[in-house]
Structures are given as C-alpha cells and as structure tokens.
Amino acid sequence: ISQLRGHVELMVTEVEPLAAEHAASLPGALAAACLGEARRKL
C-alpha cells in the first residue's frame, strides 16, 4: 500500500499538467476525471 500510494501520488503530479494542457479534448477530460478518482482513493 505504501509503494502504491507513492506511485499514485507521483503520477498525479505527472498527469495533472498533461490533463490541463489537453483540457479541451476527450483524453484530457478523462485524465482529469481519473485524477479526481486518484485523489479520492488516496
């Protein structure tokens, strides 16, 4: 769990700017939804 939490936290910081950059596209919107889900899981 500790390893997974660290990985998720790192990937949130990596995906967040990419999702913002592509916010107007479907892939960007899906990534933004996934970021919200990741934060809820954390």
Full PDB file with SEQRES, HELIX, SHEET, SSBOND, CRYST1, ORIGX, SCALE, CONECT and MASTER records, all heavy atoms in Angstrom:
SEQRES   1 A   42  ILE SER GLN LEU ARG GLY HIS VAL GLU LEU MET VAL THR          
SEQRES   2 A   42  GLU VAL GLU PRO LEU ALA ALA GLU HIS ALA ALA SER LEU          
SEQRES   3 A   42  PRO GLY ALA LEU ALA ALA ALA CYS LEU GLY GLU ALA ARG          
SEQRES   4 A   42  ARG LYS LEU                                                  
HELIX    1 AA1 SER A    2  GLU A   21  1                                  20    
HELIX    2 AA2 LEU A   26  LYS A   41  1                                  16    
CRYST1    1.000    1.000    1.000  90.00  90.00  90.00 P 1           1          
ORIGX1      1.000000  0.000000  0.000000        0.00000                         
ORIGX2      0.000000  1.000000  0.000000        0.00000                         
ORIGX3      0.000000  0.000000  1.000000        0.00000                         
SCALE1      1.000000  0.000000  0.000000        0.00000                         
SCALE2      0.000000  1.000000  0.000000        0.00000                         
SCALE3      0.000000  0.000000  1.000000        0.00000                         
ATOM      1  N   ILE A   1       0.841  -1.204   0.000  1.00  0.00           N  
ATOM      2  CA  ILE A   1       0.000   0.000   0.000  1.00  0.00           C  
ATOM      3  C   ILE A   1       0.874   1.251   0.000  1.00  0.00           C  
ATOM      4  O   ILE A   1       0.614   2.204  -0.731  1.00  0.00           O  
ATOM      5  CB  ILE A   1      -0.969  -0.005   1.202  1.00  0.00           C  
ATOM      6  CG1 ILE A   1      -2.082  -1.020   0.955  1.00  0.00           C  
ATOM      7  CG2 ILE A   1      -1.544   1.383   1.460  1.00  0.00           C  
ATOM      8  CD1 ILE A   1      -2.974  -1.268   2.161  1.00  0.00           C  
ATOM      9  N   SER A   2       1.930   1.235   0.785  1.00  0.00           N  
ATOM     10  CA  SER A   2       2.835   2.379   0.835  1.00  0.00           C  
ATOM     11  C   SER A   2       3.473   2.638  -0.531  1.00  0.00           C  
ATOM     12  O   SER A   2       3.551   3.789  -0.982  1.00  0.00           O  
ATOM     13  CB  SER A   2       3.916   2.131   1.891  1.00  0.00           C  
ATOM     14  OG  SER A   2       4.815   3.195   1.937  1.00  0.00           O  
ATOM     15  N   GLN A   3       3.916   1.589  -1.189  1.00  0.00           N  
ATOM     16  CA  GLN A   3       4.503   1.735  -2.522  1.00  0.00           C  
ATOM     17  C   GLN A   3       3.476   2.270  -3.516  1.00  0.00           C  
ATOM     18  O   GLN A   3       3.761   3.194  -4.287  1.00  0.00           O  
ATOM     19  CB  GLN A   3       5.046   0.395  -3.019  1.00  0.00           C  
ATOM     20  CG  GLN A   3       6.259  -0.085  -2.286  1.00  0.00           C  
ATOM     21  CD  GLN A   3       6.635  -1.506  -2.670  1.00  0.00           C  
ATOM     22  OE1 GLN A   3       5.788  -2.326  -3.030  1.00  0.00           O  
ATOM     23  NE2 GLN A   3       7.922  -1.807  -2.588  1.00  0.00           N  
ATOM     24  N   LEU A   4       2.292   1.690  -3.502  1.00  0.00           N  
ATOM     25  CA  LEU A   4       1.246   2.109  -4.433  1.00  0.00           C  
ATOM     26  C   LEU A   4       0.841   3.558  -4.197  1.00  0.00           C  
ATOM     27  O   LEU A   4       0.671   4.328  -5.152  1.00  0.00           O  
ATOM     28  CB  LEU A   4       0.026   1.189  -4.312  1.00  0.00           C  
ATOM     29  CG  LEU A   4       0.219  -0.216  -4.868  1.00  0.00           C  
ATOM     30  CD1 LEU A   4      -0.886  -1.137  -4.383  1.00  0.00           C  
ATOM     31  CD2 LEU A   4       0.286  -0.202  -6.387  1.00  0.00           C  
ATOM     32  N   ARG A   5       0.716   3.950  -2.943  1.00  0.00           N  
ATOM     33  CA  ARG A   5       0.360   5.346  -2.640  1.00  0.00           C  
ATOM     34  C   ARG A   5       1.427   6.299  -3.175  1.00  0.00           C  
ATOM     35  O   ARG A   5       1.112   7.331  -3.762  1.00  0.00           O  
ATOM     36  CB  ARG A   5       0.171   5.543  -1.138  1.00  0.00           C  
ATOM     37  CG  ARG A   5      -1.139   4.965  -0.615  1.00  0.00           C  
ATOM     38  CD  ARG A   5      -1.289   5.205   0.883  1.00  0.00           C  
ATOM     39  NE  ARG A   5      -1.310   6.619   1.207  1.00  0.00           N  
ATOM     40  CZ  ARG A   5      -2.408   7.386   1.186  1.00  0.00           C  
ATOM     41  NH1 ARG A   5      -3.570   6.859   0.870  1.00  0.00           N  
ATOM     42  NH2 ARG A   5      -2.341   8.655   1.494  1.00  0.00           N  
ATOM     43  N   GLY A   6       2.688   5.947  -2.985  1.00  0.00           N  
ATOM     44  CA  GLY A   6       3.767   6.790  -3.503  1.00  0.00           C  
ATOM     45  C   GLY A   6       3.729   6.888  -5.022  1.00  0.00           C  
ATOM     46  O   GLY A   6       3.906   7.974  -5.591  1.00  0.00           O  
ATOM     47  N   HIS A   7       3.478   5.771  -5.673  1.00  0.00           N  
ATOM     48  CA  HIS A   7       3.385   5.769  -7.138  1.00  0.00           C  
ATOM     49  C   HIS A   7       2.205   6.622  -7.610  1.00  0.00           C  
ATOM     50  O   HIS A   7       2.336   7.409  -8.554  1.00  0.00           O  
ATOM     51  CB  HIS A   7       3.229   4.348  -7.670  1.00  0.00           C  
ATOM     52  CG  HIS A   7       4.426   3.475  -7.506  1.00  0.00           C  
ATOM     53  ND1 HIS A   7       5.724   3.941  -7.461  1.00  0.00           N  
ATOM     54  CD2 HIS A   7       4.525   2.123  -7.398  1.00  0.00           C  
ATOM     55  CE1 HIS A   7       6.557   2.927  -7.325  1.00  0.00           C  
ATOM     56  NE2 HIS A   7       5.851   1.812  -7.280  1.00  0.00           N  
ATOM     57  N   VAL A   8       1.053   6.459  -6.959  1.00  0.00           N  
ATOM     58  CA  VAL A   8      -0.132   7.225  -7.347  1.00  0.00           C  
ATOM     59  C   VAL A   8       0.125   8.717  -7.132  1.00  0.00           C  
ATOM     60  O   VAL A   8      -0.185   9.542  -8.008  1.00  0.00           O  
ATOM     61  CB  VAL A   8      -1.390   6.749  -6.583  1.00  0.00           C  
ATOM     62  CG1 VAL A   8      -2.560   7.709  -6.802  1.00  0.00           C  
ATOM     63  CG2 VAL A   8      -1.779   5.337  -7.019  1.00  0.00           C  
ATOM     64  N   GLU A   9       0.704   9.079  -6.008  1.00  0.00           N  
ATOM     65  CA  GLU A   9       0.997  10.488  -5.737  1.00  0.00           C  
ATOM     66  C   GLU A   9       1.918  11.077  -6.795  1.00  0.00           C  
ATOM     67  O   GLU A   9       1.707  12.201  -7.271  1.00  0.00           O  
ATOM     68  CB  GLU A   9       1.611  10.645  -4.344  1.00  0.00           C  
ATOM     69  CG  GLU A   9       0.615  10.418  -3.228  1.00  0.00           C  
ATOM     70  CD  GLU A   9       1.249  10.292  -1.848  1.00  0.00           C  
ATOM     71  OE1 GLU A   9       2.495  10.299  -1.739  1.00  0.00           O  
ATOM     72  OE2 GLU A   9       0.488  10.175  -0.870  1.00  0.00           O  
ATOM     73  N   LEU A  10       2.942  10.324  -7.189  1.00  0.00           N  
ATOM     74  CA  LEU A  10       3.853  10.806  -8.217  1.00  0.00           C  
ATOM     75  C   LEU A  10       3.137  10.944  -9.561  1.00  0.00           C  
ATOM     76  O   LEU A  10       3.288  11.948 -10.260  1.00  0.00           O  
ATOM     77  CB  LEU A  10       5.061   9.871  -8.363  1.00  0.00           C  
ATOM     78  CG  LEU A  10       6.038  10.234  -9.482  1.00  0.00           C  
ATOM     79  CD1 LEU A  10       6.634  11.621  -9.257  1.00  0.00           C  
ATOM     80  CD2 LEU A  10       7.123   9.198  -9.604  1.00  0.00           C  
ATOM     81  N   MET A  11       2.327   9.946  -9.918  1.00  0.00           N  
ATOM     82  CA  MET A  11       1.643  10.012 -11.208  1.00  0.00           C  
ATOM     83  C   MET A  11       0.604  11.121 -11.248  1.00  0.00           C  
ATOM     84  O   MET A  11       0.369  11.701 -12.309  1.00  0.00           O  
ATOM     85  CB  MET A  11       1.024   8.658 -11.558  1.00  0.00           C  
ATOM     86  CG  MET A  11       2.055   7.609 -11.956  1.00  0.00           C  
ATOM     87  SD  MET A  11       3.224   8.160 -13.248  1.00  0.00           S  
ATOM     88  CE  MET A  11       2.150   8.194 -14.673  1.00  0.00           C  
ATOM     89  N   VAL A  12       0.004  11.446 -10.115  1.00  0.00           N  
ATOM     90  CA  VAL A  12      -0.923  12.583 -10.077  1.00  0.00           C  
ATOM     91  C   VAL A  12      -0.170  13.852 -10.472  1.00  0.00           C  
ATOM     92  O   VAL A  12      -0.655  14.644 -11.282  1.00  0.00           O  
ATOM     93  CB  VAL A  12      -1.588  12.717  -8.684  1.00  0.00           C  
ATOM     94  CG1 VAL A  12      -2.216  14.096  -8.489  1.00  0.00           C  
ATOM     95  CG2 VAL A  12      -2.640  11.630  -8.500  1.00  0.00           C  
ATOM     96  N   THR A  13       1.034  14.042  -9.934  1.00  0.00           N  
ATOM     97  CA  THR A  13       1.806  15.247 -10.268  1.00  0.00           C  
ATOM     98  C   THR A  13       2.285  15.232 -11.717  1.00  0.00           C  
ATOM     99  O   THR A  13       2.502  16.287 -12.298  1.00  0.00           O  
ATOM    100  CB  THR A  13       3.017  15.434  -9.327  1.00  0.00           C  
ATOM    101  OG1 THR A  13       3.929  14.361  -9.519  1.00  0.00           O  
ATOM    102  CG2 THR A  13       2.587  15.523  -7.885  1.00  0.00           C  
ATOM    103  N   GLU A  14       2.443  14.048 -12.299  1.00  0.00           N  
ATOM    104  CA  GLU A  14       2.870  13.940 -13.695  1.00  0.00           C  
ATOM    105  C   GLU A  14       1.702  14.138 -14.670  1.00  0.00           C  
ATOM    106  O   GLU A  14       1.862  14.760 -15.714  1.00  0.00           O  
ATOM    107  CB  GLU A  14       3.502  12.565 -13.953  1.00  0.00           C  
ATOM    108  CG  GLU A  14       4.821  12.335 -13.260  1.00  0.00           C  
ATOM    109  CD  GLU A  14       5.958  13.129 -13.860  1.00  0.00           C  
ATOM    110  OE1 GLU A  14       5.959  13.363 -15.089  1.00  0.00           O  
ATOM    111  OE2 GLU A  14       6.852  13.534 -13.103  1.00  0.00           O  
ATOM    112  N   VAL A  15       0.545  13.588 -14.337  1.00  0.00           N  
ATOM    113  CA  VAL A  15      -0.603  13.627 -15.252  1.00  0.00           C  
ATOM    114  C   VAL A  15      -1.342  14.960 -15.181  1.00  0.00           C  
ATOM    115  O   VAL A  15      -1.891  15.418 -16.181  1.00  0.00           O  
ATOM    116  CB  VAL A  15      -1.556  12.434 -14.972  1.00  0.00           C  
ATOM    117  CG1 VAL A  15      -2.837  12.541 -15.771  1.00  0.00           C  
ATOM    118  CG2 VAL A  15      -0.840  11.116 -15.276  1.00  0.00           C  
ATOM    119  N   GLU A  16      -1.332  15.602 -14.026  1.00  0.00           N  
ATOM    120  CA  GLU A  16      -2.083  16.838 -13.846  1.00  0.00           C  
ATOM    121  C   GLU A  16      -1.749  17.914 -14.890  1.00  0.00           C  
ATOM    122  O   GLU A  16      -2.665  18.459 -15.527  1.00  0.00           O  
ATOM    123  CB  GLU A  16      -1.871  17.362 -12.429  1.00  0.00           C  
ATOM    124  CG  GLU A  16      -2.845  18.435 -12.043  1.00  0.00           C  
ATOM    125  CD  GLU A  16      -2.787  18.698 -10.548  1.00  0.00           C  
ATOM    126  OE1 GLU A  16      -1.682  18.742  -9.984  1.00  0.00           O  
ATOM    127  OE2 GLU A  16      -3.869  18.850  -9.975  1.00  0.00           O  
ATOM    128  N   PRO A  17      -0.488  18.236 -15.123  1.00  0.00           N  
ATOM    129  CA  PRO A  17      -0.213  19.265 -16.133  1.00  0.00           C  
ATOM    130  C   PRO A  17      -0.558  18.803 -17.553  1.00  0.00           C  
ATOM    131  O   PRO A  17      -0.964  19.609 -18.387  1.00  0.00           O  
ATOM    132  CB  PRO A  17       1.289  19.549 -15.996  1.00  0.00           C  
ATOM    133  CG  PRO A  17       1.844  18.443 -15.188  1.00  0.00           C  
ATOM    134  CD  PRO A  17       0.725  17.835 -14.418  1.00  0.00           C  
ATOM    135  N   LEU A  18      -0.429  17.508 -17.816  1.00  0.00           N  
ATOM    136  CA  LEU A  18      -0.792  16.988 -19.136  1.00  0.00           C  
ATOM    137  C   LEU A  18      -2.291  17.102 -19.359  1.00  0.00           C  
ATOM    138  O   LEU A  18      -2.751  17.467 -20.444  1.00  0.00           O  
ATOM    139  CB  LEU A  18      -0.340  15.529 -19.278  1.00  0.00           C  
ATOM    140  CG  LEU A  18       1.161  15.274 -19.237  1.00  0.00           C  
ATOM    141  CD1 LEU A  18       1.452  13.775 -19.177  1.00  0.00           C  
ATOM    142  CD2 LEU A  18       1.845  15.909 -20.438  1.00  0.00           C  
ATOM    143  N   ALA A  19      -3.082  16.789 -18.326  1.00  0.00           N  
ATOM    144  CA  ALA A  19      -4.536  16.897 -18.423  1.00  0.00           C  
ATOM    145  C   ALA A  19      -4.948  18.349 -18.629  1.00  0.00           C  
ATOM    146  O   ALA A  19      -5.842  18.640 -19.429  1.00  0.00           O  
ATOM    147  CB  ALA A  19      -5.196  16.321 -17.176  1.00  0.00           C  
ATOM    148  N   ALA A  20      -4.288  19.272 -17.937  1.00  0.00           N  
ATOM    149  CA  ALA A  20      -4.602  20.699 -18.088  1.00  0.00           C  
ATOM    150  C   ALA A  20      -4.259  21.179 -19.494  1.00  0.00           C  
ATOM    151  O   ALA A  20      -5.010  21.962 -20.096  1.00  0.00           O  
ATOM    152  CB  ALA A  20      -3.842  21.511 -17.047  1.00  0.00           C  
ATOM    153  N   GLU A  21      -3.156  20.688 -20.020  1.00  0.00           N  
ATOM    154  CA  GLU A  21      -2.728  21.065 -21.370  1.00  0.00           C  
ATOM    155  C   GLU A  21      -3.714  20.574 -22.432  1.00  0.00           C  
ATOM    156  O   GLU A  21      -3.893  21.208 -23.459  1.00  0.00           O  
ATOM    157  CB  GLU A  21      -1.338  20.468 -21.634  1.00  0.00           C  
ATOM    158  CG  GLU A  21      -0.729  20.824 -22.952  1.00  0.00           C  
ATOM    159  CD  GLU A  21       0.640  20.184 -23.110  1.00  0.00           C  
ATOM    160  OE1 GLU A  21       1.358  20.060 -22.098  1.00  0.00           O  
ATOM    161  OE2 GLU A  21       0.965  19.802 -24.236  1.00  0.00           O  
ATOM    162  N   HIS A  22      -4.361  19.445 -22.168  1.00  0.00           N  
ATOM    163  CA  HIS A  22      -5.302  18.842 -23.113  1.00  0.00           C  
ATOM    164  C   HIS A  22      -6.740  18.928 -22.606  1.00  0.00           C  
ATOM    165  O   HIS A  22      -7.582  18.103 -22.950  1.00  0.00           O  
ATOM    166  CB  HIS A  22      -4.938  17.375 -23.351  1.00  0.00           C  
ATOM    167  CG  HIS A  22      -3.612  17.187 -24.000  1.00  0.00           C  
ATOM    168  ND1 HIS A  22      -2.447  17.093 -23.270  1.00  0.00           N  
ATOM    169  CD2 HIS A  22      -3.264  17.093 -25.300  1.00  0.00           C  
ATOM    170  CE1 HIS A  22      -1.431  16.935 -24.102  1.00  0.00           C  
ATOM    171  NE2 HIS A  22      -1.894  16.938 -25.335  1.00  0.00           N  
ATOM    172  N   ALA A  23      -7.037  19.936 -21.791  1.00  0.00           N  
ATOM    173  CA  ALA A  23      -8.347  20.040 -21.136  1.00  0.00           C  
ATOM    174  C   ALA A  23      -9.507  20.099 -22.124  1.00  0.00           C  
ATOM    175  O   ALA A  23     -10.601  19.637 -21.813  1.00  0.00           O  
ATOM    176  CB  ALA A  23      -8.381  21.259 -20.224  1.00  0.00           C  
ATOM    177  N   ALA A  24      -9.297  20.626 -23.295  1.00  0.00           N  
ATOM    178  CA  ALA A  24     -10.377  20.775 -24.272  1.00  0.00           C  
ATOM    179  C   ALA A  24     -10.663  19.486 -25.048  1.00  0.00           C  
ATOM    180  O   ALA A  24     -11.608  19.435 -25.812  1.00  0.00           O  
ATOM    181  CB  ALA A  24     -10.045  21.896 -25.249  1.00  0.00           C  
ATOM    182  N   SER A  25      -9.857  18.462 -24.834  1.00  0.00           N  
ATOM    183  CA  SER A  25     -10.036  17.211 -25.572  1.00  0.00           C  
ATOM    184  C   SER A  25     -10.635  16.135 -24.675  1.00  0.00           C  
ATOM    185  O   SER A  25     -10.585  16.225 -23.441  1.00  0.00           O  
ATOM    186  CB  SER A  25      -8.689  16.720 -26.111  1.00  0.00           C  
ATOM    187  OG  SER A  25      -7.867  16.291 -25.045  1.00  0.00           O  
ATOM    188  N   LEU A  26     -11.196  15.102 -25.294  1.00  0.00           N  
ATOM    189  CA  LEU A  26     -11.744  13.981 -24.532  1.00  0.00           C  
ATOM    190  C   LEU A  26     -10.662  13.291 -23.702  1.00  0.00           C  
ATOM    191  O   LEU A  26     -10.888  13.023 -22.517  1.00  0.00           O  
ATOM    192  CB  LEU A  26     -12.444  12.987 -25.461  1.00  0.00           C  
ATOM    193  CG  LEU A  26     -13.061  11.775 -24.774  1.00  0.00           C  
ATOM    194  CD1 LEU A  26     -14.109  12.193 -23.754  1.00  0.00           C  
ATOM    195  CD2 LEU A  26     -13.648  10.829 -25.799  1.00  0.00           C  
ATOM    196  N   PRO A  27      -9.478  12.989 -24.257  1.00  0.00           N  
ATOM    197  CA  PRO A  27      -8.442  12.367 -23.418  1.00  0.00           C  
ATOM    198  C   PRO A  27      -8.066  13.222 -22.201  1.00  0.00           C  
ATOM    199  O   PRO A  27      -7.832  12.701 -21.116  1.00  0.00           O  
ATOM    200  CB  PRO A  27      -7.251  12.199 -24.368  1.00  0.00           C  
ATOM    201  CG  PRO A  27      -7.872  12.128 -25.723  1.00  0.00           C  
ATOM    202  CD  PRO A  27      -9.051  13.064 -25.659  1.00  0.00           C  
ATOM    203  N   GLY A  28      -8.042  14.537 -22.378  1.00  0.00           N  
ATOM    204  CA  GLY A  28      -7.732  15.424 -21.255  1.00  0.00           C  
ATOM    205  C   GLY A  28      -8.821  15.400 -20.194  1.00  0.00           C  
ATOM    206  O   GLY A  28      -8.542  15.380 -18.997  1.00  0.00           O  
ATOM    207  N   ALA A  29     -10.076  15.376 -20.633  1.00  0.00           N  
ATOM    208  CA  ALA A  29     -11.195  15.319 -19.691  1.00  0.00           C  
ATOM    209  C   ALA A  29     -11.212  13.991 -18.937  1.00  0.00           C  
ATOM    210  O   ALA A  29     -11.470  13.955 -17.732  1.00  0.00           O  
ATOM    211  CB  ALA A  29     -12.510  15.528 -20.434  1.00  0.00           C  
ATOM    212  N   LEU A  30     -10.923  12.904 -19.647  1.00  0.00           N  
ATOM    213  CA  LEU A  30     -10.870  11.600 -18.992  1.00  0.00           C  
ATOM    214  C   LEU A  30      -9.736  11.545 -17.964  1.00  0.00           C  
ATOM    215  O   LEU A  30      -9.900  10.992 -16.877  1.00  0.00           O  
ATOM    216  CB  LEU A  30     -10.703  10.489 -20.031  1.00  0.00           C  
ATOM    217  CG  LEU A  30     -11.901  10.269 -20.954  1.00  0.00           C  
ATOM    218  CD1 LEU A  30     -11.539   9.285 -22.065  1.00  0.00           C  
ATOM    219  CD2 LEU A  30     -13.106   9.806 -20.178  1.00  0.00           C  
ATOM    220  N   ALA A  31      -8.597  12.120 -18.320  1.00  0.00           N  
ATOM    221  CA  ALA A  31      -7.475  12.151 -17.384  1.00  0.00           C  
ATOM    222  C   ALA A  31      -7.824  12.980 -16.154  1.00  0.00           C  
ATOM    223  O   ALA A  31      -7.483  12.597 -15.025  1.00  0.00           O  
ATOM    224  CB  ALA A  31      -6.230  12.710 -18.072  1.00  0.00           C  
ATOM    225  N   ALA A  32      -8.537  14.100 -16.356  1.00  0.00           N  
ATOM    226  CA  ALA A  32      -8.939  14.940 -15.218  1.00  0.00           C  
ATOM    227  C   ALA A  32      -9.874  14.165 -14.284  1.00  0.00           C  
ATOM    228  O   ALA A  32      -9.748  14.256 -13.054  1.00  0.00           O  
ATOM    229  CB  ALA A  32      -9.611  16.222 -15.715  1.00  0.00           C  
ATOM    230  N   ALA A  33     -10.794  13.394 -14.855  1.00  0.00           N  
ATOM    231  CA  ALA A  33     -11.689  12.582 -14.030  1.00  0.00           C  
ATOM    232  C   ALA A  33     -10.902  11.533 -13.256  1.00  0.00           C  
ATOM    233  O   ALA A  33     -11.174  11.279 -12.074  1.00  0.00           O  
ATOM    234  CB  ALA A  33     -12.743  11.920 -14.906  1.00  0.00           C  
ATOM    235  N   CYS A  34      -9.925  10.936 -13.892  1.00  0.00           N  
ATOM    236  CA  CYS A  34      -9.088   9.932 -13.241  1.00  0.00           C  
ATOM    237  C   CYS A  34      -8.275  10.561 -12.101  1.00  0.00           C  
ATOM    238  O   CYS A  34      -8.090   9.942 -11.053  1.00  0.00           O  
ATOM    239  CB  CYS A  34      -8.165   9.275 -14.267  1.00  0.00           C  
ATOM    240  SG  CYS A  34      -7.187   7.917 -13.597  1.00  0.00           S  
ATOM    241  N   LEU A  35      -7.816  11.785 -12.300  1.00  0.00           N  
ATOM    242  CA  LEU A  35      -7.080  12.482 -11.237  1.00  0.00           C  
ATOM    243  C   LEU A  35      -7.957  12.665 -10.004  1.00  0.00           C  
ATOM    244  O   LEU A  35      -7.500  12.466  -8.871  1.00  0.00           O  
ATOM    245  CB  LEU A  35      -6.582  13.838 -11.733  1.00  0.00           C  
ATOM    246  CG  LEU A  35      -5.414  13.791 -12.710  1.00  0.00           C  
ATOM    247  CD1 LEU A  35      -5.247  15.142 -13.403  1.00  0.00           C  
ATOM    248  CD2 LEU A  35      -4.143  13.377 -12.002  1.00  0.00           C  
ATOM    249  N   GLY A  36      -9.220  13.021 -10.219  1.00  0.00           N  
ATOM    250  CA  GLY A  36     -10.144  13.158  -9.104  1.00  0.00           C  
ATOM    251  C   GLY A  36     -10.339  11.835  -8.376  1.00  0.00           C  
ATOM    252  O   GLY A  36     -10.349  11.782  -7.144  1.00  0.00           O  
ATOM    253  N   GLU A  37     -10.480  10.766  -9.147  1.00  0.00           N  
ATOM    254  CA  GLU A  37     -10.639   9.442  -8.553  1.00  0.00           C  
ATOM    255  C   GLU A  37      -9.386   9.042  -7.777  1.00  0.00           C  
ATOM    256  O   GLU A  37      -9.467   8.475  -6.676  1.00  0.00           O  
ATOM    257  CB  GLU A  37     -10.943   8.411  -9.636  1.00  0.00           C  
ATOM    258  CG  GLU A  37     -11.247   7.045  -9.111  1.00  0.00           C  
ATOM    259  CD  GLU A  37     -12.498   6.970  -8.248  1.00  0.00           C  
ATOM    260  OE1 GLU A  37     -13.362   7.859  -8.337  1.00  0.00           O  
ATOM    261  OE2 GLU A  37     -12.607   6.004  -7.467  1.00  0.00           O  
ATOM    262  N   ALA A  38      -8.223   9.335  -8.323  1.00  0.00           N  
ATOM    263  CA  ALA A  38      -6.961   9.007  -7.639  1.00  0.00           C  
ATOM    264  C   ALA A  38      -6.872   9.737  -6.307  1.00  0.00           C  
ATOM    265  O   ALA A  38      -6.481   9.148  -5.285  1.00  0.00           O  
ATOM    266  CB  ALA A  38      -5.775   9.362  -8.527  1.00  0.00           C  
ATOM    267  N   ARG A  39      -7.247  11.006  -6.291  1.00  0.00           N  
ATOM    268  CA  ARG A  39      -7.208  11.773  -5.036  1.00  0.00           C  
ATOM    269  C   ARG A  39      -8.189  11.201  -4.011  1.00  0.00           C  
ATOM    270  O   ARG A  39      -7.889  11.143  -2.821  1.00  0.00           O  
ATOM    271  CB  ARG A  39      -7.504  13.244  -5.321  1.00  0.00           C  
ATOM    272  CG  ARG A  39      -6.357  13.937  -6.024  1.00  0.00           C  
ATOM    273  CD  ARG A  39      -6.613  15.425  -6.153  1.00  0.00           C  
ATOM    274  NE  ARG A  39      -5.535  16.042  -6.859  1.00  0.00           N  
ATOM    275  CZ  ARG A  39      -5.545  16.366  -8.151  1.00  0.00           C  
ATOM    276  NH1 ARG A  39      -6.621  16.145  -8.879  1.00  0.00           N  
ATOM    277  NH2 ARG A  39      -4.493  16.921  -8.718  1.00  0.00           N  
ATOM    278  N   ARG A  40      -9.369  10.782  -4.479  1.00  0.00           N  
ATOM    279  CA  ARG A  40     -10.337  10.178  -3.549  1.00  0.00           C  
ATOM    280  C   ARG A  40      -9.789   8.878  -2.967  1.00  0.00           C  
ATOM    281  O   ARG A  40      -9.959   8.595  -1.780  1.00  0.00           O  
ATOM    282  CB  ARG A  40     -11.668   9.934  -4.257  1.00  0.00           C  
ATOM    283  CG  ARG A  40     -12.490  11.208  -4.433  1.00  0.00           C  
ATOM    284  CD  ARG A  40     -13.874  10.935  -4.962  1.00  0.00           C  
ATOM    285  NE  ARG A  40     -13.888  10.476  -6.342  1.00  0.00           N  
ATOM    286  CZ  ARG A  40     -13.782  11.268  -7.414  1.00  0.00           C  
ATOM    287  NH1 ARG A  40     -13.645  12.579  -7.250  1.00  0.00           N  
ATOM    288  NH2 ARG A  40     -13.816  10.767  -8.623  1.00  0.00           N  
ATOM    289  N   LYS A  41      -9.106   8.102  -3.793  1.00  0.00           N  
ATOM    290  CA  LYS A  41      -8.530   6.837  -3.309  1.00  0.00           C  
ATOM    291  C   LYS A  41      -7.433   7.117  -2.283  1.00  0.00           C  
ATOM    292  O   LYS A  41      -7.328   6.418  -1.276  1.00  0.00           O  
ATOM    293  CB  LYS A  41      -7.960   6.026  -4.469  1.00  0.00           C  
ATOM    294  CG  LYS A  41      -8.978   5.640  -5.516  1.00  0.00           C  
ATOM    295  CD  LYS A  41      -9.425   4.234  -5.339  1.00  0.00           C  
ATOM    296  CE  LYS A  41     -10.293   3.780  -6.476  1.00  0.00           C  
ATOM    297  NZ  LYS A  41     -11.668   4.218  -6.429  1.00  0.00           N  
ATOM    298  N   LEU A  42      -6.629   8.126  -2.533  1.00  0.00           N  
ATOM    299  CA  LEU A  42      -5.577   8.485  -1.574  1.00  0.00           C  
ATOM    300  C   LEU A  42      -6.188   8.962  -0.258  1.00  0.00           C  
ATOM    301  O   LEU A  42      -5.724   8.585   0.821  1.00  0.00           O  
ATOM    302  CB  LEU A  42      -4.653   9.549  -2.165  1.00  0.00           C  
ATOM    303  CG  LEU A  42      -3.752   9.087  -3.302  1.00  0.00           C  
ATOM    304  CD1 LEU A  42      -3.077  10.288  -3.965  1.00  0.00           C  
ATOM    305  CD2 LEU A  42      -2.727   8.077  -2.824  1.00  0.00           C  
TER     306      LEU A  42                                                      
MASTER        0    0    0    2    0    0    0    6  305    1    0    4          
END                                                                             
